[in-house]
PDB file of N, CA and C in Angstrom:
ATOM      1  N   GLN A   1      17.411  19.415 -98.122  1.00  0.00           N
ATOM      2  CA  GLN A   1      18.610  20.086 -97.765  1.00  0.00           C
ATOM      3  C   GLN A   1      19.208  20.654 -99.059  1.00  0.00           C
ATOM      4  N   VAL A   2      19.679  21.927 -98.973  1.00  0.00           N
ATOM      5  CA  VAL A   2      20.293  22.526-100.172  1.00  0.00           C
ATOM      6  C   VAL A   2      21.641  23.129 -99.682  1.00  0.00           C
ATOM      7  N   GLN A   3      22.651  22.867-100.410  1.00  0.00           N
ATOM      8  CA  GLN A   3      23.939  23.494-100.132  1.00  0.00           C
ATOM      9  C   GLN A   3      24.259  24.494-101.248  1.00  0.00           C
ATOM     10  N   LEU A   4      24.705  25.650-100.825  1.00  0.00           N
ATOM     11  CA  LEU A   4      24.997  26.763-101.760  1.00  0.00           C
ATOM     12  C   LEU A   4      26.447  27.177-101.714  1.00  0.00           C
ATOM     13  N   VAL A   5      27.039  27.359-102.809  1.00  0.00           N
ATOM     14  CA  VAL A   5      28.459  27.809-102.857  1.00  0.00           C
ATOM     15  C   VAL A   5      28.577  28.958-103.806  1.00  0.00           C
ATOM     16  N   GLU A   6      28.976  30.138-103.296  1.00  0.00           N
ATOM     17  CA  GLU A   6      29.137  31.307-104.113  1.00  0.00           C
ATOM     18  C   GLU A   6      30.588  31.459-104.608  1.00  0.00           C
ATOM     19  N   SER A   7      30.722  32.149-105.711  1.00  0.00           N
ATOM     20  CA  SER A   7      32.047  32.487-106.244  1.00  0.00           C
ATOM     21  C   SER A   7      31.975  33.730-107.051  1.00  0.00           C
ATOM     22  N   GLY A   8      33.126  34.301-107.454  1.00  0.00           N
ATOM     23  CA  GLY A   8      33.129  35.420-108.304  1.00  0.00           C
ATOM     24  C   GLY A   8      33.498  36.735-107.667  1.00  0.00           C
ATOM     25  N   GLY A   9      33.536  36.792-106.331  1.00  0.00           N
ATOM     26  CA  GLY A   9      33.905  38.042-105.674  1.00  0.00           C
ATOM     27  C   GLY A   9      35.320  38.425-105.969  1.00  0.00           C
ATOM     28  N   SER A  10      35.610  39.743-105.948  1.00  0.00           N
ATOM     29  CA  SER A  10      36.894  40.208-106.269  1.00  0.00           C
ATOM     30  C   SER A  10      37.078  41.684-105.857  1.00  0.00           C
ATOM     31  N   LEU A  11      38.234  42.229-106.090  1.00  0.00           N
ATOM     32  CA  LEU A  11      38.507  43.682-105.881  1.00  0.00           C
ATOM     33  C   LEU A  11      38.349  44.292-107.285  1.00  0.00           C
ATOM     34  N   VAL A  12      37.547  45.355-107.348  1.00  0.00           N
ATOM     35  CA  VAL A  12      37.281  46.007-108.621  1.00  0.00           C
ATOM     36  C   VAL A  12      37.228  47.506-108.387  1.00  0.00           C
ATOM     37  N   GLN A  13      37.540  48.278-109.415  1.00  0.00           N
ATOM     38  CA  GLN A  13      37.461  49.726-109.290  1.00  0.00           C
ATOM     39  C   GLN A  13      36.009  50.222-109.415  1.00  0.00           C
ATOM     40  N   ALA A  14      35.738  51.346-108.871  1.00  0.00           N
ATOM     41  CA  ALA A  14      34.449  51.991-109.015  1.00  0.00           C
ATOM     42  C   ALA A  14      34.120  52.119-110.511  1.00  0.00           C
ATOM     43  N   GLY A  15      32.869  51.847-110.837  1.00  0.00           N
ATOM     44  CA  GLY A  15      32.427  51.875-112.216  1.00  0.00           C
ATOM     45  C   GLY A  15      32.597  50.556-112.950  1.00  0.00           C
ATOM     46  N   GLY A  16      33.270  49.634-112.296  1.00  0.00           N
ATOM     47  CA  GLY A  16      33.526  48.341-112.921  1.00  0.00           C
ATOM     48  C   GLY A  16      32.350  47.367-112.783  1.00  0.00           C
ATOM     49  N   SER A  17      32.624  46.157-113.232  1.00  0.00           N
ATOM     50  CA  SER A  17      31.551  45.115-113.232  1.00  0.00           C
ATOM     51  C   SER A  17      32.074  43.778-112.739  1.00  0.00           C
ATOM     52  N   LEU A  18      31.174  42.992-112.210  1.00  0.00           N
ATOM     53  CA  LEU A  18      31.502  41.620-111.703  1.00  0.00           C
ATOM     54  C   LEU A  18      30.331  40.759-111.963  1.00  0.00           C
ATOM     55  N   THR A  19      30.509  39.460-112.072  1.00  0.00           N
ATOM     56  CA  THR A  19      29.434  38.495-112.063  1.00  0.00           C
ATOM     57  C   THR A  19      29.678  37.496-110.930  1.00  0.00           C
ATOM     58  N   LEU A  20      28.725  37.411-110.081  1.00  0.00           N
ATOM     59  CA  LEU A  20      28.780  36.400-108.944  1.00  0.00           C
ATOM     60  C   LEU A  20      27.928  35.209-109.409  1.00  0.00           C
ATOM     61  N   SER A  21      28.383  34.039-108.991  1.00  0.00           N
ATOM     62  CA  SER A  21      27.684  32.790-109.218  1.00  0.00           C
ATOM     63  C   SER A  21      27.431  32.056-107.949  1.00  0.00           C
ATOM     64  N   CYS A  22      26.320  31.305-107.914  1.00  0.00           N
ATOM     65  CA  CYS A  22      25.978  30.491-106.751  1.00  0.00           C
ATOM     66  C   CYS A  22      25.475  29.166-107.276  1.00  0.00           C
ATOM     67  N   VAL A  23      26.186  28.089-106.973  1.00  0.00           N
ATOM     68  CA  VAL A  23      25.840  26.767-107.417  1.00  0.00           C
ATOM     69  C   VAL A  23      25.174  26.024-106.224  1.00  0.00           C
ATOM     70  N   ALA A  24      24.032  25.417-106.518  1.00  0.00           N
ATOM     71  CA  ALA A  24      23.280  24.675-105.535  1.00  0.00           C
ATOM     72  C   ALA A  24      23.420  23.151-105.738  1.00  0.00           C
ATOM     73  N   SER A  25      23.475  22.449-104.600  1.00  0.00           N
ATOM     74  CA  SER A  25      23.498  20.990-104.662  1.00  0.00           C
ATOM     75  C   SER A  25      22.082  20.470-104.727  1.00  0.00           C
ATOM     76  N   GLY A  26      21.922  19.226-105.137  1.00  0.00           N
ATOM     77  CA  GLY A  26      20.591  18.581-105.098  1.00  0.00           C
ATOM     78  C   GLY A  26      19.842  18.756-106.437  1.00  0.00           C
ATOM     79  N   ARG A  27      18.721  18.023-106.460  1.00  0.00           N
ATOM     80  CA  ARG A  27      17.922  17.991-107.724  1.00  0.00           C
ATOM     81  C   ARG A  27      16.636  18.802-107.533  1.00  0.00           C
ATOM     82  N   THR A  28      16.551  19.637-106.513  1.00  0.00           N
ATOM     83  CA  THR A  28      15.286  20.362-106.292  1.00  0.00           C
ATOM     84  C   THR A  28      15.514  21.844-106.448  1.00  0.00           C
ATOM     85  N   PHE A  29      16.579  22.268-107.125  1.00  0.00           N
ATOM     86  CA  PHE A  29      16.887  23.706-107.259  1.00  0.00           C
ATOM     87  C   PHE A  29      15.719  24.495-107.748  1.00  0.00           C
ATOM     88  N   ASN A  30      14.988  23.960-108.733  1.00  0.00           N
ATOM     89  CA  ASN A  30      13.918  24.727-109.358  1.00  0.00           C
ATOM     90  C   ASN A  30      12.651  24.779-108.492  1.00  0.00           C
ATOM     91  N   THR A  31      12.714  24.280-107.295  1.00  0.00           N
ATOM     92  CA  THR A  31      11.599  24.420-106.356  1.00  0.00           C
ATOM     93  C   THR A  31      11.810  25.562-105.356  1.00  0.00           C
ATOM     94  N   TYR A  32      12.962  26.198-105.475  1.00  0.00           N
ATOM     95  CA  TYR A  32      13.292  27.287-104.583  1.00  0.00           C
ATOM     96  C   TYR A  32      13.387  28.640-105.335  1.00  0.00           C
ATOM     97  N   SER A  33      12.819  29.667-104.695  1.00  0.00           N
ATOM     98  CA  SER A  33      13.116  31.039-105.066  1.00  0.00           C
ATOM     99  C   SER A  33      14.496  31.313-104.543  1.00  0.00           C
ATOM    100  N   MET A  34      15.277  32.126-105.277  1.00  0.00           N
ATOM    101  CA  MET A  34      16.674  32.406-104.841  1.00  0.00           C
ATOM    102  C   MET A  34      16.824  33.880-104.603  1.00  0.00           C
ATOM    103  N   GLY A  35      17.668  34.225-103.678  1.00  0.00           N
ATOM    104  CA  GLY A  35      18.007  35.595-103.400  1.00  0.00           C
ATOM    105  C   GLY A  35      19.450  35.856-103.194  1.00  0.00           C
ATOM    106  N   TRP A  36      19.848  37.099-103.353  1.00  0.00           N
ATOM    107  CA  TRP A  36      21.174  37.592-102.993  1.00  0.00           C
ATOM    108  C   TRP A  36      21.038  38.627-101.903  1.00  0.00           C
ATOM    109  N   PHE A  37      21.920  38.512-100.890  1.00  0.00           N
ATOM    110  CA  PHE A  37      21.984  39.507 -99.782  1.00  0.00           C
ATOM    111  C   PHE A  37      23.450  39.943 -99.727  1.00  0.00           C
ATOM    112  N   ARG A  38      23.684  41.016 -98.939  1.00  0.00           N
ATOM    113  CA  ARG A  38      25.045  41.485 -98.737  1.00  0.00           C
ATOM    114  C   ARG A  38      25.151  41.972 -97.301  1.00  0.00           C
ATOM    115  N   GLN A  39      26.383  41.927 -96.813  1.00  0.00           N
ATOM    116  CA  GLN A  39      26.654  42.431 -95.447  1.00  0.00           C
ATOM    117  C   GLN A  39      28.005  43.178 -95.475  1.00  0.00           C
ATOM    118  N   ALA A  40      27.917  44.441 -95.120  1.00  0.00           N
ATOM    119  CA  ALA A  40      29.148  45.273 -95.049  1.00  0.00           C
ATOM    120  C   ALA A  40      29.621  45.230 -93.561  1.00  0.00           C
ATOM    121  N   PRO A  41      30.901  45.521 -93.356  1.00  0.00           N
ATOM    122  CA  PRO A  41      31.427  45.487 -91.963  1.00  0.00           C
ATOM    123  C   PRO A  41      30.636  46.386 -91.059  1.00  0.00           C
ATOM    124  N   GLY A  42      30.200  45.884 -89.912  1.00  0.00           N
ATOM    125  CA  GLY A  42      29.501  46.666 -88.930  1.00  0.00           C
ATOM    126  C   GLY A  42      28.069  46.962 -89.260  1.00  0.00           C
ATOM    127  N   LYS A  43      27.554  46.353 -90.366  1.00  0.00           N
ATOM    128  CA  LYS A  43      26.174  46.624 -90.766  1.00  0.00           C
ATOM    129  C   LYS A  43      25.388  45.263 -90.769  1.00  0.00           C
ATOM    130  N   GLU A  44      24.068  45.386 -90.782  1.00  0.00           N
ATOM    131  CA  GLU A  44      23.220  44.189 -90.845  1.00  0.00           C
ATOM    132  C   GLU A  44      23.172  43.675 -92.289  1.00  0.00           C
ATOM    133  N   ARG A  45      22.902  42.378 -92.401  1.00  0.00           N
ATOM    134  CA  ARG A  45      22.768  41.804 -93.696  1.00  0.00           C
ATOM    135  C   ARG A  45      21.481  42.412 -94.415  1.00  0.00           C
ATOM    136  N   GLU A  46      21.632  42.766 -95.644  1.00  0.00           N
ATOM    137  CA  GLU A  46      20.543  43.429 -96.397  1.00  0.00           C
ATOM    138  C   GLU A  46      20.214  42.735 -97.681  1.00  0.00           C
ATOM    139  N   PHE A  47      18.999  42.766 -98.064  1.00  0.00           N
ATOM    140  CA  PHE A  47      18.483  42.235 -99.306  1.00  0.00           C
ATOM    141  C   PHE A  47      19.039  42.940-100.514  1.00  0.00           C
ATOM    142  N   VAL A  48      19.373  42.215-101.544  1.00  0.00           N
ATOM    143  CA  VAL A  48      19.873  42.812-102.784  1.00  0.00           C
ATOM    144  C   VAL A  48      18.876  42.527-103.944  1.00  0.00           C
ATOM    145  N   ALA A  49      18.621  41.228-104.191  1.00  0.00           N
ATOM    146  CA  ALA A  49      17.780  40.843-105.275  1.00  0.00           C
ATOM    147  C   ALA A  49      17.237  39.472-105.075  1.00  0.00           C
ATOM    148  N   ALA A  50      16.142  39.101-105.780  1.00  0.00           N
ATOM    149  CA  ALA A  50      15.573  37.773-105.727  1.00  0.00           C
ATOM    150  C   ALA A  50      14.940  37.409-107.048  1.00  0.00           C
ATOM    151  N   ILE A  51      14.811  36.105-107.239  1.00  0.00           N
ATOM    152  CA  ILE A  51      14.316  35.649-108.535  1.00  0.00           C
ATOM    153  C   ILE A  51      13.332  34.438-108.249  1.00  0.00           C
ATOM    154  N   SER A  52      12.308  34.330-109.055  1.00  0.00           N
ATOM    155  CA  SER A  52      11.363  33.257-108.863  1.00  0.00           C
ATOM    156  C   SER A  52      11.869  31.921-109.354  1.00  0.00           C
ATOM    157  N   ARG A  53      11.153  30.877-109.069  1.00  0.00           N
ATOM    158  CA  ARG A  53      11.578  29.518-109.379  1.00  0.00           C
ATOM    159  C   ARG A  53      11.823  29.321-110.846  1.00  0.00           C
ATOM    160  N   SER A  54      11.047  29.890-111.684  1.00  0.00           N
ATOM    161  CA  SER A  54      11.239  29.735-113.153  1.00  0.00           C
ATOM    162  C   SER A  54      12.192  30.767-113.718  1.00  0.00           C
ATOM    163  N   GLY A  55      12.465  31.753-112.957  1.00  0.00           N
ATOM    164  CA  GLY A  55      13.339  32.894-113.474  1.00  0.00           C
ATOM    165  C   GLY A  55      12.539  33.965-114.152  1.00  0.00           C
ATOM    166  N   GLY A  56      11.242  33.843-114.160  1.00  0.00           N
ATOM    167  CA  GLY A  56      10.438  34.808-114.935  1.00  0.00           C
ATOM    168  C   GLY A  56      10.144  36.082-114.213  1.00  0.00           C
ATOM    169  N   ASN A  57      10.373  36.097-112.883  1.00  0.00           N
ATOM    170  CA  ASN A  57      10.092  37.265-112.109  1.00  0.00           C
ATOM    171  C   ASN A  57      11.317  37.603-111.239  1.00  0.00           C
ATOM    172  N   THR A  58      11.580  38.888-111.094  1.00  0.00           N
ATOM    173  CA  THR A  58      12.715  39.347-110.297  1.00  0.00           C
ATOM    174  C   THR A  58      12.287  40.493-109.407  1.00  0.00           C
ATOM    175  N   TYR A  59      13.108  40.758-108.390  1.00  0.00           N
ATOM    176  CA  TYR A  59      12.773  41.772-107.407  1.00  0.00           C
ATOM    177  C   TYR A  59      14.080  42.361-106.882  1.00  0.00           C
ATOM    178  N   TYR A  60      14.195  43.726-106.807  1.00  0.00           N
ATOM    179  CA  TYR A  60      15.489  44.309-106.486  1.00  0.00           C
ATOM    180  C   TYR A  60      15.288  45.342-105.360  1.00  0.00           C
ATOM    181  N   ALA A  61      16.366  45.480-104.557  1.00  0.00           N
ATOM    182  CA  ALA A  61      16.433  46.608-103.669  1.00  0.00           C
ATOM    183  C   ALA A  61      16.605  47.907-104.425  1.00  0.00           C
ATOM    184  N   ASP A  62      16.037  48.979-103.929  1.00  0.00           N
ATOM    185  CA  ASP A  62      16.127  50.278-104.654  1.00  0.00           C
ATOM    186  C   ASP A  62      17.593  50.672-104.875  1.00  0.00           C
ATOM    187  N   SER A  63      18.421  50.329-103.958  1.00  0.00           N
ATOM    188  CA  SER A  63      19.831  50.773-104.000  1.00  0.00           C
ATOM    189  C   SER A  63      20.579  50.152-105.205  1.00  0.00           C
ATOM    190  N   VAL A  64      20.090  49.044-105.752  1.00  0.00           N
ATOM    191  CA  VAL A  64      20.816  48.365-106.845  1.00  0.00           C
ATOM    192  C   VAL A  64      19.968  48.284-108.112  1.00  0.00           C
ATOM    193  N   LYS A  65      18.750  48.742-108.055  1.00  0.00           N
ATOM    194  CA  LYS A  65      17.900  48.670-109.266  1.00  0.00           C
ATOM    195  C   LYS A  65      18.518  49.441-110.419  1.00  0.00           C
ATOM    196  N   GLY A  66      18.537  48.773-111.557  1.00  0.00           N
ATOM    197  CA  GLY A  66      19.174  49.400-112.731  1.00  0.00           C
ATOM    198  C   GLY A  66      20.635  49.155-112.920  1.00  0.00           C
ATOM    199  N   ARG A  67      21.294  48.679-111.840  1.00  0.00           N
ATOM    200  CA  ARG A  67      22.702  48.406-111.890  1.00  0.00           C
ATOM    201  C   ARG A  67      23.048  46.898-111.771  1.00  0.00           C
ATOM    202  N   PHE A  68      22.244  46.150-111.001  1.00  0.00           N
ATOM    203  CA  PHE A  68      22.417  44.729-110.793  1.00  0.00           C
ATOM    204  C   PHE A  68      21.334  43.939-111.496  1.00  0.00           C
ATOM    205  N   THR A  69      21.736  42.732-111.933  1.00  0.00           N
ATOM    206  CA  THR A  69      20.742  41.859-112.573  1.00  0.00           C
ATOM    207  C   THR A  69      20.927  40.472-112.043  1.00  0.00           C
ATOM    208  N   ILE A  70      19.802  39.877-111.571  1.00  0.00           N
ATOM    209  CA  ILE A  70      19.799  38.514-111.093  1.00  0.00           C
ATOM    210  C   ILE A  70      19.229  37.617-112.196  1.00  0.00           C
ATOM    211  N   SER A  71      19.772  36.457-112.293  1.00  0.00           N
ATOM    212  CA  SER A  71      19.301  35.462-113.289  1.00  0.00           C
ATOM    213  C   SER A  71      19.580  34.086-112.714  1.00  0.00           C
ATOM    214  N   ARG A  72      19.015  33.091-113.404  1.00  0.00           N
ATOM    215  CA  ARG A  72      19.280  31.665-112.981  1.00  0.00           C
ATOM    216  C   ARG A  72      19.207  30.777-114.159  1.00  0.00           C
ATOM    217  N   ASP A  73      19.946  29.655-114.034  1.00  0.00           N
ATOM    218  CA  ASP A  73      19.948  28.616-115.001  1.00  0.00           C
ATOM    219  C   ASP A  73      19.602  27.316-114.259  1.00  0.00           C
ATOM    220  N   ASN A  74      18.378  26.874-114.333  1.00  0.00           N
ATOM    221  CA  ASN A  74      17.896  25.729-113.578  1.00  0.00           C
ATOM    222  C   ASN A  74      18.606  24.428-114.059  1.00  0.00           C
ATOM    223  N   ALA A  75      19.008  24.399-115.323  1.00  0.00           N
ATOM    224  CA  ALA A  75      19.716  23.197-115.781  1.00  0.00           C
ATOM    225  C   ALA A  75      21.108  23.048-115.186  1.00  0.00           C
ATOM    226  N   LYS A  76      21.672  24.178-114.769  1.00  0.00           N
ATOM    227  CA  LYS A  76      22.974  24.176-114.127  1.00  0.00           C
ATOM    228  C   LYS A  76      22.915  24.349-112.622  1.00  0.00           C
ATOM    229  N   ASN A  77      21.708  24.422-112.058  1.00  0.00           N
ATOM    230  CA  ASN A  77      21.552  24.635-110.649  1.00  0.00           C
ATOM    231  C   ASN A  77      22.303  25.882-110.149  1.00  0.00           C
ATOM    232  N   THR A  78      22.268  26.963-110.970  1.00  0.00           N
ATOM    233  CA  THR A  78      23.092  28.124-110.678  1.00  0.00           C
ATOM    234  C   THR A  78      22.227  29.403-110.733  1.00  0.00           C
ATOM    235  N   VAL A  79      22.496  30.288-109.803  1.00  0.00           N
ATOM    236  CA  VAL A  79      21.918  31.623-109.860  1.00  0.00           C
ATOM    237  C   VAL A  79      23.065  32.631-109.958  1.00  0.00           C
ATOM    238  N   TYR A  80      22.860  33.704-110.697  1.00  0.00           N
ATOM    239  CA  TYR A  80      23.898  34.674-110.968  1.00  0.00           C
ATOM    240  C   TYR A  80      23.455  36.035-110.471  1.00  0.00           C
ATOM    241  N   LEU A  81      24.434  36.890-110.171  1.00  0.00           N
ATOM    242  CA  LEU A  81      24.235  38.290-109.931  1.00  0.00           C
ATOM    243  C   LEU A  81      25.261  39.075-110.712  1.00  0.00           C
ATOM    244  N   GLN A  82      24.741  39.813-111.734  1.00  0.00           N
ATOM    245  CA  GLN A  82      25.600  40.662-112.530  1.00  0.00           C
ATOM    246  C   GLN A  82      25.572  42.058-111.806  1.00  0.00           C
ATOM    247  N   LEU A  83      26.778  42.522-111.541  1.00  0.00           N
ATOM    248  CA  LEU A  83      26.955  43.794-110.850  1.00  0.00           C
ATOM    249  C   LEU A  83      27.637  44.778-111.776  1.00  0.00           C
ATOM    250  N   ASN A  84      26.933  45.841-112.158  1.00  0.00           N
ATOM    251  CA  ASN A  84      27.480  46.881-113.032  1.00  0.00           C
ATOM    252  C   ASN A  84      27.518  48.214-112.285  1.00  0.00           C
ATOM    253  N   SER A  85      28.315  49.106-112.866  1.00  0.00           N
ATOM    254  CA  SER A  85      28.441  50.464-112.311  1.00  0.00           C
ATOM    255  C   SER A  85      28.667  50.432-110.831  1.00  0.00           C
ATOM    256  N   LEU A  86      29.641  49.627-110.408  1.00  0.00           N
ATOM    257  CA  LEU A  86      29.859  49.419-108.971  1.00  0.00           C
ATOM    258  C   LEU A  86      30.348  50.650-108.278  1.00  0.00           C
ATOM    259  N   LYS A  87      29.922  50.821-107.045  1.00  0.00           N
ATOM    260  CA  LYS A  87      30.276  51.948-106.189  1.00  0.00           C
ATOM    261  C   LYS A  87      30.960  51.441-104.911  1.00  0.00           C
ATOM    262  N   PRO A  88      31.833  52.297-104.286  1.00  0.00           N
ATOM    263  CA  PRO A  88      32.448  51.838-103.077  1.00  0.00           C
ATOM    264  C   PRO A  88      31.491  51.369-102.035  1.00  0.00           C
ATOM    265  N   GLU A  89      30.296  51.916-101.953  1.00  0.00           N
ATOM    266  CA  GLU A  89      29.279  51.502-100.989  1.00  0.00           C
ATOM    267  C   GLU A  89      28.690  50.135-101.284  1.00  0.00           C
ATOM    268  N   ASP A  90      29.046  49.534-102.426  1.00  0.00           N
ATOM    269  CA  ASP A  90      28.631  48.160-102.703  1.00  0.00           C
ATOM    270  C   ASP A  90      29.611  47.143-102.099  1.00  0.00           C
ATOM    271  N   THR A  91      30.640  47.574-101.489  1.00  0.00           N
ATOM    272  CA  THR A  91      31.607  46.725-100.852  1.00  0.00           C
ATOM    273  C   THR A  91      30.950  45.924 -99.738  1.00  0.00           C
ATOM    274  N   ALA A  92      31.046  44.599 -99.774  1.00  0.00           N
ATOM    275  CA  ALA A  92      30.387  43.766 -98.776  1.00  0.00           C
ATOM    276  C   ALA A  92      30.664  42.325 -99.098  1.00  0.00           C
ATOM    277  N   VAL A  93      30.290  41.455 -98.175  1.00  0.00           N
ATOM    278  CA  VAL A  93      30.274  40.039 -98.462  1.00  0.00           C
ATOM    279  C   VAL A  93      28.900  39.717 -99.045  1.00  0.00           C
ATOM    280  N   TYR A  94      28.870  39.076-100.169  1.00  0.00           N
ATOM    281  CA  TYR A  94      27.579  38.778-100.846  1.00  0.00           C
ATOM    282  C   TYR A  94      27.251  37.312-100.653  1.00  0.00           C
ATOM    283  N   TYR A  95      25.978  37.105-100.214  1.00  0.00           N
ATOM    284  CA  TYR A  95      25.497  35.761 -99.916  1.00  0.00           C
ATOM    285  C   TYR A  95      24.335  35.383-100.833  1.00  0.00           C
ATOM    286  N   CYS A  96      24.284  34.156-101.322  1.00  0.00           N
ATOM    287  CA  CYS A  96      23.042  33.683-101.962  1.00  0.00           C
ATOM    288  C   CYS A  96      22.268  32.856-100.960  1.00  0.00           C
ATOM    289  N   ALA A  97      20.983  32.818-101.176  1.00  0.00           N
ATOM    290  CA  ALA A  97      20.118  32.150-100.265  1.00  0.00           C
ATOM    291  C   ALA A  97      18.931  31.522-101.008  1.00  0.00           C
ATOM    292  N   ALA A  98      18.373  30.495-100.429  1.00  0.00           N
ATOM    293  CA  ALA A  98      17.172  29.798-101.048  1.00  0.00           C
ATOM    294  C   ALA A  98      16.010  29.847-100.090  1.00  0.00           C
ATOM    295  N   THR A  99      14.839  30.034-100.669  1.00  0.00           N
ATOM    296  CA  THR A  99      13.625  30.022 -99.904  1.00  0.00           C
ATOM    297  C   THR A  99      12.561  29.197-100.564  1.00  0.00           C
ATOM    298  N   SER A 100      11.776  28.470 -99.827  1.00  0.00           N
ATOM    299  CA  SER A 100      10.665  27.678-100.406  1.00  0.00           C
ATOM    300  C   SER A 100       9.480  28.612-100.591  1.00  0.00           C
ATOM    301  N   GLY A 101       9.581  29.834-100.186  1.00  0.00           N
ATOM    302  CA  GLY A 101       8.498  30.835-100.369  1.00  0.00           C
ATOM    303  C   GLY A 101       8.625  31.623-101.620  1.00  0.00           C
ATOM    304  N   SER A 102       7.856  32.719-101.699  1.00  0.00           N
ATOM    305  CA  SER A 102       7.845  33.517-102.871  1.00  0.00           C
ATOM    306  C   SER A 102       9.112  34.325-103.097  1.00  0.00           C
ATOM    307  N   TYR A 103       9.358  34.627-104.330  1.00  0.00           N
ATOM    308  CA  TYR A 103      10.570  35.421-104.664  1.00  0.00           C
ATOM    309  C   TYR A 103      10.455  36.868-104.137  1.00  0.00           C
ATOM    310  N   SER A 104       9.271  37.272-103.733  1.00  0.00           N
ATOM    311  CA  SER A 104       9.061  38.657-103.255  1.00  0.00           C
ATOM    312  C   SER A 104       9.532  38.848-101.807  1.00  0.00           C
ATOM    313  N   ARG A 105      10.003  37.799-101.210  1.00  0.00           N
ATOM    314  CA  ARG A 105      10.462  37.908 -99.829  1.00  0.00           C
ATOM    315  C   ARG A 105      11.856  38.510 -99.747  1.00  0.00           C
ATOM    316  N   SER A 106      12.055  39.435 -98.864  1.00  0.00           N
ATOM    317  CA  SER A 106      13.275  40.163 -98.771  1.00  0.00           C
ATOM    318  C   SER A 106      13.930  40.240 -97.408  1.00  0.00           C
ATOM    319  N   ARG A 107      13.406  39.482 -96.461  1.00  0.00           N
ATOM    320  CA  ARG A 107      13.912  39.507 -95.117  1.00  0.00           C
ATOM    321  C   ARG A 107      14.830  38.275 -94.906  1.00  0.00           C
ATOM    322  N   VAL A 108      15.841  38.470 -94.154  1.00  0.00           N
ATOM    323  CA  VAL A 108      16.776  37.355 -93.864  1.00  0.00           C
ATOM    324  C   VAL A 108      16.068  36.125 -93.384  1.00  0.00           C
ATOM    325  N   TYR A 109      15.143  36.284 -92.463  1.00  0.00           N
ATOM    326  CA  TYR A 109      14.500  35.090 -91.860  1.00  0.00           C
ATOM    327  C   TYR A 109      13.515  34.389 -92.797  1.00  0.00           C
ATOM    328  N   ASP A 110      13.262  34.979 -93.958  1.00  0.00           N
ATOM    329  CA  ASP A 110      12.406  34.326 -94.957  1.00  0.00           C
ATOM    330  C   ASP A 110      13.171  33.203 -95.702  1.00  0.00           C
ATOM    331  N   TYR A 111      14.489  33.200 -95.581  1.00  0.00           N
ATOM    332  CA  TYR A 111      15.278  32.293 -96.373  1.00  0.00           C
ATOM    333  C   TYR A 111      15.768  31.093 -95.518  1.00  0.00           C
ATOM    334  N   ASP A 112      15.740  29.942 -96.112  1.00  0.00           N
ATOM    335  CA  ASP A 112      16.006  28.689 -95.411  1.00  0.00           C
ATOM    336  C   ASP A 112      17.442  28.236 -95.458  1.00  0.00           C
ATOM    337  N   TYR A 113      18.123  28.475 -96.577  1.00  0.00           N
ATOM    338  CA  TYR A 113      19.515  28.002 -96.756  1.00  0.00           C
ATOM    339  C   TYR A 113      20.390  29.155 -97.247  1.00  0.00           C
ATOM    340  N   TRP A 114      21.629  29.140 -96.833  1.00  0.00           N
ATOM    341  CA  TRP A 114      22.618  30.168 -97.140  1.00  0.00           C
ATOM    342  C   TRP A 114      23.928  29.609 -97.534  1.00  0.00           C
ATOM    343  N   GLY A 115      24.619  30.331 -98.460  1.00  0.00           N
ATOM    344  CA  GLY A 115      25.984  30.037 -98.781  1.00  0.00           C
ATOM    345  C   GLY A 115      26.923  30.698 -97.767  1.00  0.00           C
ATOM    346  N   GLN A 116      28.232  30.471 -98.027  1.00  0.00           N
ATOM    347  CA  GLN A 116      29.221  30.997 -97.108  1.00  0.00           C
ATOM    348  C   GLN A 116      29.657  32.413 -97.406  1.00  0.00           C
ATOM    349  N   GLY A 117      29.248  32.934 -98.592  1.00  0.00           N
ATOM    350  CA  GLY A 117      29.534  34.315 -99.001  1.00  0.00           C
ATOM    351  C   GLY A 117      30.797  34.434 -99.805  1.00  0.00           C
ATOM    352  N   THR A 118      30.813  35.543-100.612  1.00  0.00           N
ATOM    353  CA  THR A 118      32.005  35.901-101.422  1.00  0.00           C
ATOM    354  C   THR A 118      32.222  37.393-101.283  1.00  0.00           C
ATOM    355  N   GLN A 119      33.460  37.789-101.158  1.00  0.00           N
ATOM    356  CA  GLN A 119      33.817  39.205-100.885  1.00  0.00           C
ATOM    357  C   GLN A 119      33.844  40.004-102.153  1.00  0.00           C
ATOM    358  N   VAL A 120      33.130  41.129-102.142  1.00  0.00           N
ATOM    359  CA  VAL A 120      33.249  42.109-103.223  1.00  0.00           C
ATOM    360  C   VAL A 120      33.808  43.400-102.607  1.00  0.00           C
ATOM    361  N   THR A 121      34.876  43.878-103.112  1.00  0.00           N
ATOM    362  CA  THR A 121      35.478  45.111-102.689  1.00  0.00           C
ATOM    363  C   THR A 121      35.604  46.098-103.826  1.00  0.00           C
ATOM    364  N   VAL A 122      35.018  47.283-103.695  1.00  0.00           N
ATOM    365  CA  VAL A 122      35.051  48.303-104.727  1.00  0.00           C
ATOM    366  C   VAL A 122      35.939  49.504-104.252  1.00  0.00           C
ATOM    367  N   SER A 123      36.955  49.704-104.996  1.00  0.00           N
ATOM    368  CA  SER A 123      37.858  50.802-104.648  1.00  0.00           C
ATOM    369  C   SER A 123      37.479  52.072-105.401  1.00  0.00           C
ATOM    370  N   SER A 124      37.701  53.201-104.733  1.00  0.00           N
ATOM    371  CA  SER A 124      37.314  54.521-105.325  1.00  0.00           C
ATOM    372  C   SER A 124      38.472  55.067-106.147  1.00  0.00           C
TER     373      SER A 124
END
């Protein structure tokens, strides 16, 4: 069992930056690939980024490639999402998730555990 708690969401102007954090409980954090997803009002939850167990490999949605960076610190049981050059269309609730499978998985049902989400709002 893994419990995930996100933080760092906020209201920010377009072009600004944020760093989201997700802390995991338990001593098996480094056995999970981690992902970030987001869900805007009235839309389905969509994949944003994922990172391998060691942190050596990452995978991004085309819509955020070059603007967002995922990273992890296994000693702190934490995964991060750095959001740069934010756009109003990035407004959503951001969720972190854990999977026992590969970091290359990008579908909601590939992930076993989810956090409660953190709100990111980008004003124009």
